[in-house]
Each structure stands twice: as C-alpha cells, then as structure tokens.
Amino acid sequence: MSAIISRALTAVWRRQVASFAAVAVSFVGAGVVGSLLLLPVGLGRRALPAAAAALRRRCGGSRERADRWSGVRIGPAEPLPRPPGAVLAADGFWRDLAWAWLEPLVGGLLVALPLALVEYGAFGALVQPFVRRLLGEGNWYAFVLVDSTPAMLAALALGLAFIALGSAAAPHVLRLHARWTRLLLSGPHSAELERRIEQLTEGRADALEVQAAELRRIERDLHDGAQARLVVLAEDLFLLRDGLERTLREHGFSIVASVDNGPSLLRALLEEGPDVAVVDVRLPPTFTDEGLQAALEARRRRPGLPVLVLSQYVDQLYANELLAGDDGGVGCLLKDRVTDTGQLIDAVRRVAAGGTVLDQQVISRLLSRGDARGTIASLTPRERDVLELMAEGRSNAAIALTLHFSESAVAKHTASIFAKLRIVPCAEDNRRVLAVLAYLRR
C-alpha cells in the first residue's frame, strides 16, 4: 500500500515538474518564432541556429523524462545543422517547433487534470473545516453546500476522494503525456528503420571483421604449424623494432604486423587476430600512451587478447590500466629487459599462454605504494617475497628454488596470502593471478 501511495505522489510531483518545463518550452518556442520573423532583416540568421539548438535541448530533456519516468522510449533526433538555410530544411526542426507550441496547451491540460484534483481535494479536506463559518451562507464545495457540521464532514470525505482520484490518475496521465511527446518528436518510421539498419550493418561489419581475422589466423596456423605464435609488434624506434623482430623470429614466433604508431597498432590488432602483442607504451603521434591505449581498446573489443607492454620507466598508472580487467594475458616489462633475450622470450610466451608477467621494478614500486593501505601490511616479509614472485608468473617449484625452502612451505605461504587477501577457493579462476591483481589495484 505504501509503495502505491509513494508512486502516486511521485507521479503528482513529476506532473508539477512537467508543468514548469512546459512554461520554459513556451518561452524557447517564442524565441525560435522571433528568430524566424527576423530572418528577412538578416538578424535571424545569427539568432536562429542558437534558438533551434536551445529548443533541441528542451526536446532532449522531454525525451529523457519520458524514458526515465514512464518507460516510453523516443528515438533520437537527427543532428541539427548549423547554417540557417539547412535548419529550415530539416524536418526535425519543424517537429521540434510544433511540439514547442502544442506542448504548453496539450501538455498543460494533461498536467492540470491530476494536479487540479489533488489541489481541489486538499482544499476540501484541509481548508473547508476551518473556513466554513467565515464564508457563511452559499459556501459550496463541488455539489455540497457546506452549511453544517455533517455537510463539512461530507466535504472532507469528498476532498479526500478527489486527492485519491488525482493521485491514482497521475501515473496514467504521465504515461499518456509521454506517448503524446513521442507522437510529436519521433521522426518518420522510415528514418527509424534506416537508423536501425545502420546499427545492424555496423554490428555485422564488426562481426565479419573478427571472423575474418580468426579465419586468417587458422589458415596461418595450418600453413606454419600450430606452434608458431602470431605476434603484432609496435615500436617506433626502427633499430629496436628490427632487433625485436629478429629475436622473436629466431625463437619460433611469426610477426604478422610490425607498426610504429597507435592507429596502425589498433588496426593490426583487430584485423590480424594475433596470439600476443608486444607494445611500446609511447608511440606517435603524441608519444604519450598511444600504444597502451590502443592495446586496451583492442582488449575491450577482443577480451582476453594477450598484451605485453614495454615501458622506458616504471609508471604505476600504466600498470593499473593494464591490470584493470580479470582476463589475464597481460604483462609489463621495462625496456632494459629487452637485452635479456631469455627473460623477454619467457615473458612473451607466458603472456601468450594467458599468464600475468610484471617486471620486478614494477612490482616493487606497486608494493611499496600499497604498504600503508592496510591489507598488504598484514603479510609477513616472506609472504611479500612469495607474492612478488607470483606476480612474475613463477610456479611453486620456481619460488621454492629462488627462496631456498620447500614447496610445501611455499604452499603454506600461498594459502596464507589467499586468506589475508580474502580470495576464496574457486574451481575455475586462477587464484594466483587474482591474488596479485587484488593487491596491486589497492
């Protein structure tokens, strides 16, 4: 019952807001008409585009309210041209103007109905009991002559009935108003069909592009062998890019694209469908983070795309952006590691296999940044060492060999880390990766 009353009162309040909006629309519509009248003397050519844009904003607000308040969706209007002549030729402009002139009248009547019932009911229920003696004879409330206590009680009951009727009608009138708005502001049915066809065409083109990339990848696998990993390489320095190409090819990788700028990188990642991307953070044209942003955009379009990022120096923002998803297959190395062929190739292979690889300096910087933030402070020094090596993608056996203790001790430390980071057992997720990400994002 309380929910019904709340919805009714909310609808009444929204009708009041709509009444204020209708008044504002009438002023904006008058401004548009004034601009049209000034066109012959030249002043309207400057005023019309601004007035039409203001009216379009009012229309947009009405579209949004119809959707949010009543669930009535109104298709978006076509873009409004800037030149006055083009504005006058646009069908959408004339629909907006017709709505602006009819809305205060039709919308006002729809607004007035529930509000009048509620307000008149409030007068009968709250005012009549106190003013009937002051008004004297001839005090009528609706069809009741309020000249006695029983008549006053009848007026009170009638006022409450008006309030209930107005509150109950308000949601329905609100939806009727939204449909009226859609009738005026919606474009021709053919225009809506064209918009939907365009959306479907774009979606189909994207799907075909991904499918074609996968087919090319399968064909290359059949031709070169399933063990040849397909790599897209992005590096703006020619000598370094050439050296990376040679190194990767010598270790069984196939370079399907080698680029030196952000836009070319994104295009190659989407069209070639590589097994892994090796990307320099800073690429032309601005040499800020084009490489990273292109890789992130490609991962948004192709979730799980493995990306190994090369950076000149440690930047925790780069690492945070790269670790923002839970798909795995990400890595971050300093360019200094490129000279260590074994470490580079190992990192590329781990990332291509869906693992997470972070440079030791990146890990140290992120861990030092997080020490004062609570959860990680509860880890012992040994658990911190284990977590750092986990972030490098090391197995329990490799961690035990590095730290010089048994695999069972590593397992105990790992279980303690999971508990302190509140990572519960899961049949599918890689809890080692989740442990690293859960902490590095803090």
Protein backbone atom coordinates (compact mmCIF):
# COMPACT_ATOMS: atom_id res chain seq x y z
CA MET A 1 0.00 0.00 0.00
CA SER A 2 2.79 2.39 0.93
CA ALA A 3 4.54 1.67 -2.36
CA ILE A 4 1.39 2.53 -4.32
CA ILE A 5 0.98 5.79 -2.43
CA SER A 6 4.65 6.61 -2.97
CA ARG A 7 4.38 6.01 -6.73
CA ALA A 8 1.24 8.12 -6.94
CA LEU A 9 2.78 11.04 -5.04
CA THR A 10 5.92 10.79 -7.15
CA ALA A 11 3.82 10.95 -10.31
CA VAL A 12 1.99 14.02 -8.98
CA TRP A 13 5.29 15.72 -8.26
CA ARG A 14 6.56 14.85 -11.73
CA ARG A 15 3.45 16.39 -13.24
CA GLN A 16 4.32 19.58 -11.37
CA VAL A 17 7.86 19.48 -12.77
CA ALA A 18 6.43 18.88 -16.25
CA SER A 19 4.24 21.97 -15.85
CA PHE A 20 7.29 24.14 -15.14
CA ALA A 21 9.08 22.55 -18.14
CA ALA A 22 6.08 23.36 -20.36
CA VAL A 23 6.28 27.02 -19.36
CA ALA A 24 10.00 27.08 -20.21
CA VAL A 25 9.29 25.43 -23.56
CA SER A 26 6.79 28.13 -24.46
CA PHE A 27 9.43 30.83 -23.96
CA VAL A 28 12.01 28.91 -26.02
CA GLY A 29 9.44 28.34 -28.78
CA ALA A 30 8.65 32.04 -28.79
CA GLY A 31 12.36 32.75 -29.21
CA VAL A 32 12.51 30.46 -32.24
CA VAL A 33 9.50 32.16 -33.81
CA GLY A 34 11.08 35.54 -33.15
CA SER A 35 14.25 34.39 -34.93
CA LEU A 36 12.15 33.27 -37.91
CA LEU A 37 10.43 36.67 -38.06
CA LEU A 38 13.83 38.41 -38.05
CA LEU A 39 15.17 36.39 -40.99
CA PRO A 40 14.07 38.96 -43.64
CA VAL A 41 16.12 41.69 -41.98
CA GLY A 42 19.20 39.49 -41.51
CA LEU A 43 19.22 39.35 -37.69
CA GLY A 44 17.50 35.97 -37.66
CA ARG A 45 20.38 34.29 -39.50
CA ARG A 46 22.53 34.62 -36.39
CA ALA A 47 19.81 34.00 -33.85
CA LEU A 48 18.09 31.02 -35.49
CA PRO A 49 20.84 28.35 -35.03
CA ALA A 50 21.22 29.19 -31.33
CA ALA A 51 17.44 29.28 -30.77
CA ALA A 52 16.99 25.98 -32.61
CA ALA A 53 19.76 24.39 -30.53
CA ALA A 54 18.11 25.62 -27.30
CA LEU A 55 14.80 24.14 -28.44
CA ARG A 56 16.52 20.85 -29.31
CA ARG A 57 17.92 20.69 -25.76
CA ARG A 58 14.39 21.12 -24.38
CA CYS A 59 13.22 18.32 -26.65
CA GLY A 60 16.07 16.15 -25.44
CA GLY A 61 15.05 16.76 -21.84
CA SER A 62 11.48 15.74 -22.64
CA ARG A 63 12.74 12.56 -24.35
CA GLU A 64 14.82 11.70 -21.29
CA ARG A 65 11.93 12.31 -18.87
CA ALA A 66 9.56 10.18 -20.96
CA ASP A 67 12.03 7.29 -20.84
CA ARG A 68 13.01 7.67 -17.19
CA TRP A 69 9.56 8.37 -15.76
CA SER A 70 7.26 6.31 -17.98
CA GLY A 71 9.48 3.85 -19.85
CA VAL A 72 8.39 5.37 -23.19
CA ARG A 73 11.40 5.44 -25.49
CA ILE A 74 11.57 8.16 -28.11
CA GLY A 75 14.09 7.73 -30.91
CA PRO A 76 16.95 10.25 -31.02
CA ALA A 77 16.56 13.23 -33.31
CA GLU A 78 18.76 13.61 -36.36
CA PRO A 79 21.68 16.07 -35.88
CA LEU A 80 20.67 19.70 -36.20
CA PRO A 81 22.58 21.54 -38.99
CA ARG A 82 24.24 24.88 -38.31
CA PRO A 83 23.50 27.04 -41.40
CA PRO A 84 20.10 28.78 -41.10
CA GLY A 85 19.03 27.57 -44.53
CA ALA A 86 19.81 23.97 -43.59
CA VAL A 87 17.97 24.40 -40.28
CA LEU A 88 14.83 25.49 -42.13
CA ALA A 89 15.13 22.49 -44.45
CA ALA A 90 15.42 19.99 -41.58
CA ASP A 91 12.22 18.09 -40.77
CA GLY A 92 13.37 17.62 -37.20
CA PHE A 93 13.43 21.39 -36.62
CA TRP A 94 9.79 21.77 -37.60
CA ARG A 95 8.80 18.81 -35.41
CA ASP A 96 10.57 20.46 -32.50
CA LEU A 97 8.78 23.75 -33.18
CA ALA A 98 5.37 22.09 -33.47
CA TRP A 99 5.97 20.33 -30.16
CA ALA A 100 7.06 23.62 -28.53
CA TRP A 101 3.79 25.30 -29.46
CA LEU A 102 1.47 22.40 -28.70
CA GLU A 103 3.19 21.22 -25.52
CA PRO A 104 2.06 24.13 -23.30
CA LEU A 105 -1.56 23.59 -24.41
CA VAL A 106 -1.90 19.80 -24.60
CA GLY A 107 0.77 19.07 -22.02
CA GLY A 108 -0.68 21.77 -19.78
CA LEU A 109 -4.13 20.19 -19.90
CA LEU A 110 -2.69 16.78 -19.10
CA VAL A 111 -0.69 18.29 -16.26
CA ALA A 112 -3.68 20.22 -14.90
CA LEU A 113 -6.01 17.25 -14.55
CA PRO A 114 -4.35 15.31 -11.70
CA LEU A 115 -2.94 18.45 -10.10
CA ALA A 116 -6.37 20.13 -10.07
CA LEU A 117 -7.95 17.08 -8.47
CA VAL A 118 -5.27 16.87 -5.78
CA GLU A 119 -5.27 20.59 -5.02
CA TYR A 120 -9.07 20.91 -5.02
CA GLY A 121 -9.25 17.82 -2.84
CA ALA A 122 -6.74 19.36 -0.44
CA PHE A 123 -8.91 22.46 -0.25
CA GLY A 124 -11.96 20.39 0.68
CA ALA A 125 -10.13 18.20 3.17
CA LEU A 126 -7.85 20.73 4.83
CA VAL A 127 -9.38 24.18 4.32
CA GLN A 128 -13.17 23.77 4.40
CA PRO A 129 -13.32 22.58 8.03
CA PHE A 130 -11.68 25.82 9.16
CA VAL A 131 -13.23 28.45 6.87
CA ARG A 132 -16.85 27.32 6.53
CA ARG A 133 -18.00 29.63 9.33
CA LEU A 134 -16.07 32.56 7.84
CA LEU A 135 -17.59 32.06 4.39
CA GLY A 136 -21.13 31.98 5.72
CA GLU A 137 -24.09 31.05 3.55
CA GLY A 138 -23.60 30.00 -0.04
CA ASN A 139 -20.37 28.11 0.67
CA TRP A 140 -20.40 25.33 -1.89
CA TYR A 141 -17.72 22.66 -2.27
CA ALA A 142 -18.34 20.81 -5.52
CA PHE A 143 -22.00 19.81 -5.22
CA VAL A 144 -22.10 20.01 -1.39
CA LEU A 145 -23.48 23.11 0.38
CA VAL A 146 -21.24 23.40 3.40
CA ASP A 147 -23.62 24.93 5.96
CA SER A 148 -23.45 22.44 8.80
CA THR A 149 -21.17 20.00 10.53
CA PRO A 150 -22.49 16.96 8.57
CA ALA A 151 -22.00 18.91 5.30
CA MET A 152 -18.48 19.82 6.41
CA LEU A 153 -17.72 16.13 7.01
CA ALA A 154 -19.15 15.31 3.57
CA ALA A 155 -16.86 17.97 2.04
CA LEU A 156 -13.94 16.45 3.94
CA ALA A 157 -14.73 12.97 2.56
CA LEU A 158 -15.23 14.35 -0.92
CA GLY A 159 -11.88 16.19 -0.73
CA LEU A 160 -10.11 13.00 0.27
CA ALA A 161 -11.75 11.24 -2.65
CA PHE A 162 -10.53 13.94 -5.05
CA ILE A 163 -7.00 13.59 -3.66
CA ALA A 164 -7.11 9.81 -4.11
CA LEU A 165 -8.51 10.12 -7.62
CA GLY A 166 -5.88 12.68 -8.68
CA SER A 167 -3.05 10.62 -7.18
CA ALA A 168 -4.30 7.45 -8.89
CA ALA A 169 -4.67 9.20 -12.24
CA ALA A 170 -1.25 10.86 -12.13
CA PRO A 171 0.85 7.82 -13.29
CA HIS A 172 -1.53 7.10 -16.17
CA VAL A 173 -1.62 10.75 -17.23
CA LEU A 174 2.17 10.85 -17.01
CA ARG A 175 2.43 7.92 -19.42
CA LEU A 176 -0.20 9.44 -21.72
CA HIS A 177 1.85 12.63 -21.82
CA ALA A 178 4.98 10.63 -22.69
CA ARG A 179 3.15 8.96 -25.58
CA TRP A 180 1.92 12.35 -26.77
CA THR A 181 5.51 13.59 -26.73
CA ARG A 182 6.65 10.55 -28.70
CA LEU A 183 3.91 11.17 -31.28
CA LEU A 184 5.25 14.66 -31.97
CA LEU A 185 9.01 14.21 -31.57
CA SER A 186 9.50 10.81 -33.21
CA GLY A 187 10.78 11.01 -36.76
CA PRO A 188 9.22 9.17 -39.68
CA HIS A 189 9.11 5.39 -39.36
CA SER A 190 11.41 5.12 -42.37
CA ALA A 191 14.06 7.22 -40.59
CA GLU A 192 13.91 4.94 -37.54
CA LEU A 193 14.26 1.90 -39.79
CA GLU A 194 17.25 3.47 -41.53
CA ARG A 195 18.89 4.10 -38.13
CA ARG A 196 18.33 0.51 -37.01
CA ILE A 197 19.59 -0.86 -40.32
CA GLU A 198 22.72 1.27 -39.97
CA GLN A 199 23.33 -0.08 -36.46
CA LEU A 200 22.83 -3.66 -37.63
CA THR A 201 25.16 -3.07 -40.58
CA GLU A 202 27.89 -1.72 -38.31
CA GLY A 203 27.49 -4.65 -35.91
CA ARG A 204 27.59 -7.14 -38.78
CA ALA A 205 30.71 -5.49 -40.20
CA ASP A 206 32.46 -5.78 -36.81
CA ALA A 207 31.45 -9.43 -36.51
CA LEU A 208 32.66 -10.20 -40.03
CA GLU A 209 35.94 -8.43 -39.30
CA VAL A 210 36.56 -10.57 -36.21
CA GLN A 211 35.54 -13.72 -38.11
CA ALA A 212 37.88 -12.89 -40.98
CA ALA A 213 40.75 -12.32 -38.57
CA GLU A 214 40.12 -15.70 -36.94
CA LEU A 215 39.99 -17.41 -40.35
CA ARG A 216 43.31 -15.81 -41.35
CA ARG A 217 44.77 -16.96 -38.07
CA ILE A 218 43.59 -20.56 -38.62
CA GLU A 219 44.96 -20.54 -42.17
CA ARG A 220 48.35 -19.33 -40.94
CA ASP A 221 48.35 -22.00 -38.23
CA LEU A 222 47.67 -24.70 -40.82
CA HIS A 223 50.42 -23.33 -43.06
CA ASP A 224 53.11 -22.53 -40.49
CA GLY A 225 52.27 -25.07 -37.81
CA ALA A 226 50.26 -24.74 -34.64
CA GLN A 227 53.37 -23.97 -32.54
CA ALA A 228 54.11 -20.69 -34.34
CA ARG A 229 52.78 -17.87 -32.15
CA LEU A 230 51.43 -14.90 -34.13
CA VAL A 231 52.79 -11.56 -32.90
CA VAL A 232 51.87 -7.94 -33.56
CA LEU A 233 54.84 -5.71 -32.70
CA ALA A 234 54.63 -1.97 -32.04
CA GLU A 235 57.81 0.08 -31.55
CA ASP A 236 58.62 3.49 -33.01
CA LEU A 237 62.44 3.12 -32.90
CA PHE A 238 63.43 1.31 -36.10
CA LEU A 239 66.59 -0.36 -34.79
CA LEU A 240 64.87 -1.65 -31.66
CA ARG A 241 61.87 -2.84 -33.65
CA ASP A 242 64.12 -4.64 -36.12
CA GLY A 243 66.02 -6.28 -33.27
CA LEU A 244 62.82 -7.43 -31.60
CA GLU A 245 61.57 -8.89 -34.88
CA ARG A 246 64.77 -10.88 -35.37
CA THR A 247 64.76 -12.13 -31.76
CA LEU A 248 61.13 -13.24 -31.85
CA ARG A 249 61.50 -14.98 -35.22
CA GLU A 250 64.61 -16.82 -34.02
CA HIS A 251 62.54 -18.26 -31.15
CA GLY A 252 59.66 -19.55 -33.27
CA PHE A 253 57.32 -16.56 -33.33
CA SER A 254 55.67 -15.29 -36.52
CA ILE A 255 55.47 -11.49 -36.92
CA VAL A 256 52.16 -10.76 -38.64
CA ALA A 257 52.41 -6.96 -38.31
CA SER A 258 55.14 -4.53 -37.27
CA VAL A 259 53.99 -0.94 -36.77
CA ASP A 260 55.31 2.33 -35.36
CA ASN A 261 52.18 4.32 -34.33
CA GLY A 262 48.99 3.96 -32.27
CA PRO A 263 46.32 3.96 -35.01
CA SER A 264 48.20 1.33 -37.06
CA LEU A 265 48.60 -0.79 -33.93
CA LEU A 266 44.87 -0.83 -33.16
CA ARG A 267 44.06 -1.68 -36.77
CA ALA A 268 46.60 -4.53 -36.82
CA LEU A 269 45.38 -5.98 -33.52
CA LEU A 270 41.78 -6.08 -34.74
CA GLU A 271 42.48 -7.28 -38.28
CA GLU A 272 45.29 -9.80 -37.71
CA GLY A 273 43.98 -11.58 -34.59
CA PRO A 274 47.45 -12.24 -33.08
CA ASP A 275 48.28 -14.67 -30.29
CA VAL A 276 50.14 -11.92 -28.46
CA ALA A 277 51.01 -8.25 -28.89
CA VAL A 278 54.34 -6.71 -27.87
CA VAL A 279 53.70 -2.99 -27.49
CA ASP A 280 55.73 0.09 -26.64
CA VAL A 281 53.72 2.36 -24.31
CA ARG A 282 54.72 5.58 -26.07
CA LEU A 283 54.05 5.80 -29.79
CA PRO A 284 53.47 8.57 -32.33
CA PRO A 285 51.78 10.93 -32.90
CA THR A 286 51.99 12.43 -29.36
CA PHE A 287 54.41 9.99 -27.71
CA THR A 288 52.33 9.80 -24.51
CA ASP A 289 50.49 6.48 -24.09
CA GLU A 290 49.13 5.73 -27.58
CA GLY A 291 50.49 2.18 -27.53
CA LEU A 292 48.89 1.35 -24.18
CA GLN A 293 45.55 2.93 -25.12
CA ALA A 294 45.45 1.09 -28.46
CA ALA A 295 46.15 -2.20 -26.68
CA LEU A 296 43.46 -1.53 -24.07
CA GLU A 297 40.92 -0.65 -26.76
CA ALA A 298 41.77 -3.85 -28.63
CA ARG A 299 41.28 -5.86 -25.40
CA ARG A 300 37.89 -4.22 -24.92
CA ARG A 301 36.86 -5.32 -28.41
CA ARG A 302 38.57 -8.71 -28.18
CA PRO A 303 38.51 -9.72 -24.48
CA GLY A 304 41.48 -11.81 -23.45
CA LEU A 305 43.84 -10.55 -26.18
CA PRO A 306 47.33 -11.13 -24.69
CA VAL A 307 49.40 -7.94 -24.46
CA LEU A 308 52.97 -7.44 -23.25
CA VAL A 309 53.74 -3.75 -22.71
CA LEU A 310 57.27 -2.36 -22.86
CA SER A 311 57.96 0.85 -20.93
CA GLN A 312 61.04 3.03 -20.63
CA TYR A 313 60.49 3.54 -16.90
CA VAL A 314 58.20 2.43 -14.07
CA ASP A 315 54.80 4.14 -14.15
CA GLN A 316 52.17 2.73 -11.76
CA LEU A 317 49.36 4.31 -13.83
CA TYR A 318 50.33 2.18 -16.83
CA ALA A 319 50.36 -0.95 -14.69
CA ASN A 320 47.00 -0.11 -13.11
CA GLU A 321 45.33 0.43 -16.50
CA LEU A 322 46.80 -2.79 -17.85
CA LEU A 323 45.61 -4.77 -14.82
CA ALA A 324 42.10 -3.27 -14.84
CA GLY A 325 40.50 -6.44 -16.27
CA ASP A 326 40.35 -10.00 -14.97
CA ASP A 327 41.05 -11.74 -18.28
CA GLY A 328 44.76 -12.37 -17.72
CA GLY A 329 47.21 -12.48 -20.60
CA VAL A 330 48.92 -9.21 -19.65
CA GLY A 331 52.48 -8.22 -18.91
CA CYS A 332 54.62 -5.17 -18.25
CA LEU A 333 58.41 -5.12 -18.73
CA LEU A 334 60.95 -2.34 -18.68
CA LYS A 335 62.79 -1.87 -21.97
CA ASP A 336 66.02 -2.67 -20.19
CA ARG A 337 64.86 -6.31 -20.13
CA VAL A 338 64.79 -6.45 -23.94
CA THR A 339 68.55 -7.08 -23.93
CA ASP A 340 67.95 -10.20 -21.80
CA THR A 341 66.69 -12.48 -24.56
CA GLY A 342 65.75 -15.33 -22.24
CA GLN A 343 63.66 -13.12 -19.96
CA LEU A 344 61.96 -11.40 -22.91
CA ILE A 345 61.03 -14.63 -24.69
CA ASP A 346 59.86 -16.22 -21.45
CA ALA A 347 57.61 -13.20 -20.77
CA VAL A 348 56.14 -13.25 -24.28
CA ARG A 349 55.36 -16.97 -24.00
CA ARG A 350 53.77 -16.62 -20.56
CA VAL A 351 51.55 -13.74 -21.66
CA ALA A 352 50.59 -15.58 -24.87
CA ALA A 353 49.55 -18.54 -22.72
CA GLY A 354 47.24 -16.29 -20.66
CA GLY A 355 49.58 -15.62 -17.75
CA THR A 356 50.48 -12.38 -15.98
CA VAL A 357 54.04 -11.07 -16.06
CA LEU A 358 55.27 -7.97 -14.23
CA ASP A 359 58.75 -6.54 -14.16
CA GLN A 360 60.47 -6.79 -10.76
CA GLN A 361 60.81 -2.98 -10.56
CA VAL A 362 57.12 -2.53 -11.39
CA ILE A 363 56.20 -4.97 -8.61
CA SER A 364 58.49 -3.25 -6.10
CA ARG A 365 57.05 0.16 -6.90
CA LEU A 366 53.45 -1.03 -6.58
CA LEU A 367 54.13 -2.97 -3.40
CA SER A 368 55.86 -0.01 -1.76
CA ARG A 369 52.94 2.20 -2.78
CA GLY A 370 50.46 -0.12 -1.12
CA ASP A 371 52.20 -0.89 2.19
CA ALA A 372 50.38 1.76 4.17
CA ARG A 373 46.94 0.87 2.90
CA GLY A 374 46.04 -1.93 5.26
CA THR A 375 45.52 -5.40 3.78
CA ILE A 376 49.03 -5.97 2.48
CA ALA A 377 50.52 -4.70 5.72
CA SER A 378 49.35 -7.94 7.33
CA LEU A 379 51.64 -10.00 5.06
CA THR A 380 54.91 -11.19 6.52
CA PRO A 381 58.19 -10.40 4.70
CA ARG A 382 58.31 -13.98 3.40
CA GLU A 383 54.73 -13.73 2.13
CA ARG A 384 55.63 -10.49 0.37
CA ASP A 385 58.56 -12.25 -1.31
CA VAL A 386 56.26 -15.07 -2.41
CA LEU A 387 53.67 -12.58 -3.73
CA GLU A 388 56.33 -10.73 -5.75
CA LEU A 389 57.49 -13.95 -7.37
CA MET A 390 53.88 -14.98 -8.02
CA ALA A 391 53.44 -11.67 -9.86
CA GLU A 392 56.37 -12.62 -12.06
CA GLY A 393 54.46 -15.76 -13.04
CA ARG A 394 56.68 -18.19 -11.12
CA SER A 395 55.42 -21.65 -10.16
CA ASN A 396 55.63 -23.01 -6.60
CA ALA A 397 58.69 -25.03 -7.56
CA ALA A 398 60.43 -21.97 -9.03
CA ILE A 399 59.56 -19.89 -5.96
CA ALA A 400 60.91 -22.59 -3.65
CA LEU A 401 64.14 -22.76 -5.65
CA THR A 402 64.57 -18.98 -5.55
CA LEU A 403 63.80 -18.56 -1.84
CA HIS A 404 65.60 -21.76 -0.81
CA PHE A 405 62.79 -23.57 1.01
CA SER A 406 60.43 -26.47 0.29
CA GLU A 407 57.41 -26.47 -1.99
CA SER A 408 55.19 -27.31 0.97
CA ALA A 409 56.37 -24.12 2.70
CA VAL A 410 55.55 -22.16 -0.47
CA ALA A 411 52.08 -23.73 -0.48
CA LYS A 412 51.54 -22.68 3.16
CA HIS A 413 52.64 -19.11 2.42
CA THR A 414 50.38 -19.03 -0.66
CA ALA A 415 47.38 -20.24 1.34
CA SER A 416 48.07 -17.57 3.97
CA ILE A 417 48.22 -14.87 1.26
CA PHE A 418 44.89 -16.02 -0.17
CA ALA A 419 43.33 -15.90 3.29
CA LYS A 420 44.65 -12.44 4.14
CA LEU A 421 43.57 -11.05 0.78
CA ARG A 422 40.16 -12.75 1.22
CA ILE A 423 40.36 -14.76 -2.02
CA VAL A 424 38.10 -17.77 -1.57
CA PRO A 425 38.71 -21.12 -3.33
CA CYS A 426 37.24 -21.32 -6.84
CA ALA A 427 37.21 -24.19 -9.30
CA GLU A 428 37.93 -22.08 -12.37
CA ASP A 429 39.69 -18.81 -11.51
CA ASN A 430 43.47 -18.67 -11.22
CA ARG A 431 43.75 -17.60 -7.60
CA ARG A 432 47.41 -16.76 -8.01
CA VAL A 433 46.60 -14.13 -10.61
CA LEU A 434 43.64 -12.90 -8.55
CA ALA A 435 45.90 -12.51 -5.52
CA VAL A 436 48.34 -10.35 -7.45
CA LEU A 437 45.61 -8.23 -9.05
CA ALA A 438 43.65 -7.86 -5.81
CA TYR A 439 46.64 -6.31 -4.14
CA LEU A 440 48.19 -4.31 -6.96
CA ARG A 441 44.92 -2.47 -7.57
CA ARG A 442 44.62 -1.23 -3.97
